[in-house]
């Protein structure tokens, strides 16, 4: 049986180790190499010619998106799967435009990772249930046109609304059943996307848009 040869590209060694363990435990998969940045991923793909590349979108030296475009441009038979913590529309469509044939969130379980790897290796495109729904909504135009802050994900809007109601990070984490660190990450993304410097400015913007109430 010919095994699926996979290149893992991620700048976090512990994460690569975890992915390698998942893939090595599967009878039909083998790890062809590991890269810690985008440039290394491009070079390894050129040398090893894997069937699939698991590509972190955000890496030093060369982003995973740019690395994907280079790999697919030179070796279109290699299937690239974008692997990331991000779940906003911009990240999904940027990865697709670069040539990714799959998209997995880093919280995906073992079964979903292997299913996506096998599908992409077979020439299919697979973006996971949550991402597939987002793609369908986007192309079907089902997103409400009057929704405030369309640049935010649905979860980021939820967090912003709770910030506007005066809840602390701990309270928000309990309300949404997530960790305080996850809430902090969402808040950082919100500040960046709304171009605000602090919580007070975010609250003003949110309340002006009708979020949170008083």
C-alpha atoms as a PDB file:
ATOM      1  CA  UNK A   1       0.000   0.000   0.000  1.00  0.00           C
ATOM      2  CA  UNK A   2       1.366   3.405  -0.993  1.00  0.00           C
ATOM      3  CA  UNK A   3       1.273   5.698   1.996  1.00  0.00           C
ATOM      4  CA  UNK A   4       0.194   9.340   1.883  1.00  0.00           C
ATOM      5  CA  UNK A   5       3.330  11.430   2.347  1.00  0.00           C
ATOM      6  CA  UNK A   6       2.647  14.559   4.393  1.00  0.00           C
ATOM      7  CA  UNK A   7       4.734  17.650   5.098  1.00  0.00           C
ATOM      8  CA  UNK A   8       3.919  19.469   8.349  1.00  0.00           C
ATOM      9  CA  UNK A   9       4.619  23.230   8.283  1.00  0.00           C
ATOM     10  CA  UNK A  10       4.124  25.087  11.570  1.00  0.00           C
ATOM     11  CA  UNK A  11       6.377  27.332  13.630  1.00  0.00           C
ATOM     12  CA  UNK A  12       5.446  25.661  16.929  1.00  0.00           C
ATOM     13  CA  UNK A  13       7.488  22.513  17.588  1.00  0.00           C
ATOM     14  CA  UNK A  14       5.030  21.105  20.124  1.00  0.00           C
ATOM     15  CA  UNK A  15       2.156  21.437  17.693  1.00  0.00           C
ATOM     16  CA  UNK A  16       4.160  19.730  14.948  1.00  0.00           C
ATOM     17  CA  UNK A  17       4.937  16.928  17.366  1.00  0.00           C
ATOM     18  CA  UNK A  18       1.236  16.425  18.123  1.00  0.00           C
ATOM     19  CA  UNK A  19       0.271  16.373  14.447  1.00  0.00           C
ATOM     20  CA  UNK A  20       3.124  13.997  13.670  1.00  0.00           C
ATOM     21  CA  UNK A  21       1.873  11.606  16.365  1.00  0.00           C
ATOM     22  CA  UNK A  22      -1.640  11.622  14.866  1.00  0.00           C
ATOM     23  CA  UNK A  23      -0.380  10.978  11.339  1.00  0.00           C
ATOM     24  CA  UNK A  24       2.213   8.369  12.325  1.00  0.00           C
ATOM     25  CA  UNK A  25      -0.465   6.345  14.094  1.00  0.00           C
ATOM     26  CA  UNK A  26      -2.421   5.983  10.830  1.00  0.00           C
ATOM     27  CA  UNK A  27      -1.435   2.987   8.693  1.00  0.00           C
ATOM     28  CA  UNK A  28      -1.848   4.877   5.417  1.00  0.00           C
ATOM     29  CA  UNK A  29       0.115   8.023   6.355  1.00  0.00           C
ATOM     30  CA  UNK A  30       3.751   8.949   6.842  1.00  0.00           C
ATOM     31  CA  UNK A  31       5.443  12.246   7.658  1.00  0.00           C
ATOM     32  CA  UNK A  32       7.722  13.326   4.807  1.00  0.00           C
ATOM     33  CA  UNK A  33       9.236  16.249   6.691  1.00  0.00           C
ATOM     34  CA  UNK A  34       8.655  19.212   8.994  1.00  0.00           C
ATOM     35  CA  UNK A  35       9.124  22.928   8.374  1.00  0.00           C
ATOM     36  CA  UNK A  36       9.225  25.740  10.937  1.00  0.00           C
ATOM     37  CA  UNK A  37       8.587  28.618   8.512  1.00  0.00           C
ATOM     38  CA  UNK A  38       7.201  29.329   5.060  1.00  0.00           C
ATOM     39  CA  UNK A  39      10.521  29.400   3.229  1.00  0.00           C
ATOM     40  CA  UNK A  40      11.505  26.044   4.683  1.00  0.00           C
ATOM     41  CA  UNK A  41       8.112  24.629   3.697  1.00  0.00           C
ATOM     42  CA  UNK A  42       8.598  25.695   0.073  1.00  0.00           C
ATOM     43  CA  UNK A  43      12.117  24.226  -0.035  1.00  0.00           C
ATOM     44  CA  UNK A  44      11.059  20.939   1.569  1.00  0.00           C
ATOM     45  CA  UNK A  45       8.068  20.596  -0.734  1.00  0.00           C
ATOM     46  CA  UNK A  46      10.404  21.093  -3.698  1.00  0.00           C
ATOM     47  CA  UNK A  47      12.792  18.441  -2.421  1.00  0.00           C
ATOM     48  CA  UNK A  48      10.433  15.854  -0.931  1.00  0.00           C
ATOM     49  CA  UNK A  49       7.412  16.324  -3.214  1.00  0.00           C
ATOM     50  CA  UNK A  50       4.849  15.214  -0.595  1.00  0.00           C
ATOM     51  CA  UNK A  51       1.259  14.327  -1.463  1.00  0.00           C
ATOM     52  CA  UNK A  52      -0.135  16.748   1.115  1.00  0.00           C
ATOM     53  CA  UNK A  53       1.147  19.773   3.032  1.00  0.00           C
ATOM     54  CA  UNK A  54      -0.440  20.757   6.351  1.00  0.00           C
ATOM     55  CA  UNK A  55       0.289  24.479   6.278  1.00  0.00           C
ATOM     56  CA  UNK A  56      -0.039  26.921   9.168  1.00  0.00           C
ATOM     57  CA  UNK A  57      -1.294  30.221   7.714  1.00  0.00           C
ATOM     58  CA  UNK A  58       0.786  32.442  10.005  1.00  0.00           C
ATOM     59  CA  UNK A  59       4.511  31.655  10.030  1.00  0.00           C
ATOM     60  CA  UNK A  60       7.729  33.716  10.075  1.00  0.00           C
ATOM     61  CA  UNK A  61       9.917  34.568   7.055  1.00  0.00           C
ATOM     62  CA  UNK A  62       7.155  33.669   4.589  1.00  0.00           C
ATOM     63  CA  UNK A  63       3.484  33.381   5.485  1.00  0.00           C
ATOM     64  CA  UNK A  64       1.682  30.096   5.010  1.00  0.00           C
ATOM     65  CA  UNK A  65      -0.576  31.768   2.452  1.00  0.00           C
ATOM     66  CA  UNK A  66       2.379  32.903   0.328  1.00  0.00           C
ATOM     67  CA  UNK A  67       4.096  29.538   0.795  1.00  0.00           C
ATOM     68  CA  UNK A  68       0.907  27.811  -0.380  1.00  0.00           C
ATOM     69  CA  UNK A  69       0.778  29.956  -3.512  1.00  0.00           C
ATOM     70  CA  UNK A  70       4.415  29.149  -4.336  1.00  0.00           C
ATOM     71  CA  UNK A  71       4.036  25.416  -3.751  1.00  0.00           C
ATOM     72  CA  UNK A  72       0.808  25.087  -5.722  1.00  0.00           C
ATOM     73  CA  UNK A  73       2.194  27.295  -8.494  1.00  0.00           C
ATOM     74  CA  UNK A  74       5.247  25.071  -8.925  1.00  0.00           C
ATOM     75  CA  UNK A  75       3.719  21.691  -8.040  1.00  0.00           C
ATOM     76  CA  UNK A  76      -0.051  21.813  -8.573  1.00  0.00           C
ATOM     77  CA  UNK A  77      -0.438  18.106  -7.794  1.00  0.00           C
ATOM     78  CA  UNK A  78       0.482  18.736  -4.143  1.00  0.00           C
ATOM     79  CA  UNK A  79      -2.598  19.236  -1.996  1.00  0.00           C
ATOM     80  CA  UNK A  80      -2.250  21.975   0.612  1.00  0.00           C
ATOM     81  CA  UNK A  81      -4.428  22.049   3.714  1.00  0.00           C
ATOM     82  CA  UNK A  82      -4.489  25.380   5.577  1.00  0.00           C
ATOM     83  CA  UNK A  83      -4.154  24.704   9.297  1.00  0.00           C
ATOM     84  CA  UNK A  84      -4.870  27.599  11.640  1.00  0.00           C
ATOM     85  CA  UNK A  85      -6.506  28.936  14.775  1.00  0.00           C
ATOM     86  CA  UNK A  86      -8.303  31.570  12.709  1.00  0.00           C
ATOM     87  CA  UNK A  87     -11.934  31.111  11.785  1.00  0.00           C
ATOM     88  CA  UNK A  88     -12.895  34.355  10.062  1.00  0.00           C
ATOM     89  CA  UNK A  89     -14.069  34.590   6.464  1.00  0.00           C
ATOM     90  CA  UNK A  90     -11.001  36.521   5.306  1.00  0.00           C
ATOM     91  CA  UNK A  91      -8.656  33.720   6.392  1.00  0.00           C
ATOM     92  CA  UNK A  92     -10.757  31.032   4.719  1.00  0.00           C
ATOM     93  CA  UNK A  93     -10.995  32.807   1.368  1.00  0.00           C
ATOM     94  CA  UNK A  94      -7.369  33.983   1.397  1.00  0.00           C
ATOM     95  CA  UNK A  95      -6.251  30.373   1.830  1.00  0.00           C
ATOM     96  CA  UNK A  96      -8.586  29.254  -0.958  1.00  0.00           C
ATOM     97  CA  UNK A  97      -7.329  31.932  -3.344  1.00  0.00           C
ATOM     98  CA  UNK A  98      -3.756  30.838  -2.630  1.00  0.00           C
ATOM     99  CA  UNK A  99      -4.668  27.332  -3.776  1.00  0.00           C
ATOM    100  CA  UNK A 100      -5.446  25.440  -0.567  1.00  0.00           C
ATOM    101  CA  UNK A 101      -7.736  22.453  -1.127  1.00  0.00           C
ATOM    102  CA  UNK A 102      -8.542  21.976   2.538  1.00  0.00           C
ATOM    103  CA  UNK A 103      -8.880  24.083   5.670  1.00  0.00           C
ATOM    104  CA  UNK A 104      -8.695  22.787   9.236  1.00  0.00           C
ATOM    105  CA  UNK A 105      -8.919  24.626  12.532  1.00  0.00           C
ATOM    106  CA  UNK A 106      -6.190  23.617  14.975  1.00  0.00           C
ATOM    107  CA  UNK A 107      -8.851  22.392  17.375  1.00  0.00           C
ATOM    108  CA  UNK A 108      -9.981  19.719  14.898  1.00  0.00           C
ATOM    109  CA  UNK A 109     -10.030  16.188  16.266  1.00  0.00           C
ATOM    110  CA  UNK A 110      -7.953  13.278  14.970  1.00  0.00           C
ATOM    111  CA  UNK A 111     -10.770  11.878  12.819  1.00  0.00           C
ATOM    112  CA  UNK A 112     -11.361  15.195  11.025  1.00  0.00           C
ATOM    113  CA  UNK A 113      -7.625  15.708  10.404  1.00  0.00           C
ATOM    114  CA  UNK A 114      -7.231  12.242   8.857  1.00  0.00           C
ATOM    115  CA  UNK A 115     -10.447  12.565   6.847  1.00  0.00           C
ATOM    116  CA  UNK A 116      -9.268  15.862   5.345  1.00  0.00           C
ATOM    117  CA  UNK A 117      -5.759  14.568   4.619  1.00  0.00           C
ATOM    118  CA  UNK A 118      -7.137  11.482   2.847  1.00  0.00           C
ATOM    119  CA  UNK A 119      -9.658  13.486   0.831  1.00  0.00           C
ATOM    120  CA  UNK A 120      -7.102  16.055  -0.333  1.00  0.00           C
ATOM    121  CA  UNK A 121      -4.586  13.309  -1.157  1.00  0.00           C
ATOM    122  CA  UNK A 122      -7.279  11.740  -3.359  1.00  0.00           C
ATOM    123  CA  UNK A 123      -7.680  15.002  -5.280  1.00  0.00           C
ATOM    124  CA  UNK A 124     -10.781  16.260  -3.479  1.00  0.00           C
ATOM    125  CA  UNK A 125     -11.336  19.581  -1.730  1.00  0.00           C
ATOM    126  CA  UNK A 126     -12.518  19.414   1.874  1.00  0.00           C
ATOM    127  CA  UNK A 127     -12.962  22.367   4.191  1.00  0.00           C
ATOM    128  CA  UNK A 128     -14.691  20.869   7.233  1.00  0.00           C
ATOM    129  CA  UNK A 129     -18.330  21.304   8.320  1.00  0.00           C
ATOM    130  CA  UNK A 130     -18.008  24.727   9.993  1.00  0.00           C
ATOM    131  CA  UNK A 131     -15.939  26.226   7.189  1.00  0.00           C
ATOM    132  CA  UNK A 132     -18.183  24.691   4.520  1.00  0.00           C
ATOM    133  CA  UNK A 133     -21.209  26.377   6.094  1.00  0.00           C
ATOM    134  CA  UNK A 134     -19.379  29.708   6.116  1.00  0.00           C
ATOM    135  CA  UNK A 135     -18.490  29.318   2.432  1.00  0.00           C
ATOM    136  CA  UNK A 136     -22.094  28.438   1.572  1.00  0.00           C
ATOM    137  CA  UNK A 137     -23.444  31.454   3.462  1.00  0.00           C
ATOM    138  CA  UNK A 138     -20.939  33.732   1.761  1.00  0.00           C
ATOM    139  CA  UNK A 139     -21.729  32.632  -1.784  1.00  0.00           C
ATOM    140  CA  UNK A 140     -25.456  32.369  -1.153  1.00  0.00           C
ATOM    141  CA  UNK A 141     -25.486  35.897   0.243  1.00  0.00           C
ATOM    142  CA  UNK A 142     -27.259  34.764   3.391  1.00  0.00           C
ATOM    143  CA  UNK A 143     -25.297  36.963   5.790  1.00  0.00           C
ATOM    144  CA  UNK A 144     -27.542  39.819   6.994  1.00  0.00           C
ATOM    145  CA  UNK A 145     -26.610  43.013   5.177  1.00  0.00           C
ATOM    146  CA  UNK A 146     -27.351  45.176   8.214  1.00  0.00           C
ATOM    147  CA  UNK A 147     -25.285  43.128  10.649  1.00  0.00           C
ATOM    148  CA  UNK A 148     -22.953  45.429  12.619  1.00  0.00           C
ATOM    149  CA  UNK A 149     -19.199  45.002  12.220  1.00  0.00           C
ATOM    150  CA  UNK A 150     -19.219  42.490   9.329  1.00  0.00           C
ATOM    151  CA  UNK A 151     -15.429  42.235   9.657  1.00  0.00           C
ATOM    152  CA  UNK A 152     -15.903  40.383  12.967  1.00  0.00           C
ATOM    153  CA  UNK A 153     -16.695  36.693  13.277  1.00  0.00           C
ATOM    154  CA  UNK A 154     -19.948  35.699  14.936  1.00  0.00           C
ATOM    155  CA  UNK A 155     -18.104  34.737  18.133  1.00  0.00           C
ATOM    156  CA  UNK A 156     -16.202  38.035  18.155  1.00  0.00           C
ATOM    157  CA  UNK A 157     -19.514  39.912  17.919  1.00  0.00           C
ATOM    158  CA  UNK A 158     -20.800  37.875  20.869  1.00  0.00           C
ATOM    159  CA  UNK A 159     -17.718  38.820  22.889  1.00  0.00           C
ATOM    160  CA  UNK A 160     -18.028  42.493  21.893  1.00  0.00           C
ATOM    161  CA  UNK A 161     -21.680  42.552  22.948  1.00  0.00           C
ATOM    162  CA  UNK A 162     -20.746  41.149  26.362  1.00  0.00           C
ATOM    163  CA  UNK A 163     -17.908  43.661  26.707  1.00  0.00           C
ATOM    164  CA  UNK A 164     -20.443  46.405  25.993  1.00  0.00           C
ATOM    165  CA  UNK A 165     -22.599  45.053  28.811  1.00  0.00           C
ATOM    166  CA  UNK A 166     -19.691  45.526  31.203  1.00  0.00           C
ATOM    167  CA  UNK A 167     -18.718  41.884  31.706  1.00  0.00           C
ATOM    168  CA  UNK A 168     -15.137  41.023  32.634  1.00  0.00           C
ATOM    169  CA  UNK A 169     -13.035  38.518  30.697  1.00  0.00           C
ATOM    170  CA  UNK A 170     -13.720  35.908  33.364  1.00  0.00           C
ATOM    171  CA  UNK A 171     -17.468  36.526  33.200  1.00  0.00           C
ATOM    172  CA  UNK A 172     -17.416  36.329  29.396  1.00  0.00           C
ATOM    173  CA  UNK A 173     -15.447  33.065  29.522  1.00  0.00           C
ATOM    174  CA  UNK A 174     -18.018  31.548  31.872  1.00  0.00           C
ATOM    175  CA  UNK A 175     -20.944  32.800  29.767  1.00  0.00           C
ATOM    176  CA  UNK A 176     -19.501  31.358  26.530  1.00  0.00           C
ATOM    177  CA  UNK A 177     -17.991  28.222  28.118  1.00  0.00           C
ATOM    178  CA  UNK A 178     -14.486  28.981  26.844  1.00  0.00           C
ATOM    179  CA  UNK A 179     -11.161  29.745  28.525  1.00  0.00           C
ATOM    180  CA  UNK A 180     -10.136  33.233  29.640  1.00  0.00           C
ATOM    181  CA  UNK A 181      -7.190  32.980  27.216  1.00  0.00           C
ATOM    182  CA  UNK A 182      -9.605  32.358  24.333  1.00  0.00           C
ATOM    183  CA  UNK A 183     -11.594  35.431  25.355  1.00  0.00           C
ATOM    184  CA  UNK A 184      -8.381  37.484  25.490  1.00  0.00           C
ATOM    185  CA  UNK A 185      -7.485  36.327  21.983  1.00  0.00           C
ATOM    186  CA  UNK A 186     -10.928  37.298  20.687  1.00  0.00           C
ATOM    187  CA  UNK A 187     -10.620  40.725  22.330  1.00  0.00           C
ATOM    188  CA  UNK A 188      -7.208  41.311  20.730  1.00  0.00           C
ATOM    189  CA  UNK A 189      -8.701  40.471  17.329  1.00  0.00           C
ATOM    190  CA  UNK A 190     -11.662  42.780  17.989  1.00  0.00           C
ATOM    191  CA  UNK A 191      -9.404  45.710  18.944  1.00  0.00           C
ATOM    192  CA  UNK A 192      -7.317  45.164  15.826  1.00  0.00           C
ATOM    193  CA  UNK A 193     -10.255  44.862  13.424  1.00  0.00           C
ATOM    194  CA  UNK A 194     -12.154  47.822  14.907  1.00  0.00           C
ATOM    195  CA  UNK A 195      -8.939  49.852  15.232  1.00  0.00           C
ATOM    196  CA  UNK A 196      -9.552  50.743  18.856  1.00  0.00           C
ATOM    197  CA  UNK A 197      -6.903  51.077  21.540  1.00  0.00           C
ATOM    198  CA  UNK A 198      -8.745  49.821  24.585  1.00  0.00           C
ATOM    199  CA  UNK A 199     -11.923  48.399  26.093  1.00  0.00           C
ATOM    200  CA  UNK A 200     -13.524  51.803  26.589  1.00  0.00           C
ATOM    201  CA  UNK A 201     -13.266  52.674  22.901  1.00  0.00           C
ATOM    202  CA  UNK A 202     -14.618  49.252  21.961  1.00  0.00           C
ATOM    203  CA  UNK A 203     -17.603  49.742  24.264  1.00  0.00           C
ATOM    204  CA  UNK A 204     -18.389  53.123  22.702  1.00  0.00           C
ATOM    205  CA  UNK A 205     -18.313  51.654  19.187  1.00  0.00           C
ATOM    206  CA  UNK A 206     -20.378  48.645  20.221  1.00  0.00           C
ATOM    207  CA  UNK A 207     -23.096  50.714  21.876  1.00  0.00           C
ATOM    208  CA  UNK A 208     -23.235  53.143  18.969  1.00  0.00           C
ATOM    209  CA  UNK A 209     -23.938  50.107  16.763  1.00  0.00           C
ATOM    210  CA  UNK A 210     -26.640  48.854  19.110  1.00  0.00           C
ATOM    211  CA  UNK A 211     -24.712  46.012  20.729  1.00  0.00           C
ATOM    212  CA  UNK A 212     -24.853  45.275  24.424  1.00  0.00           C
ATOM    213  CA  UNK A 213     -27.505  47.723  25.496  1.00  0.00           C
ATOM    214  CA  UNK A 214     -27.206  49.727  28.699  1.00  0.00           C
END
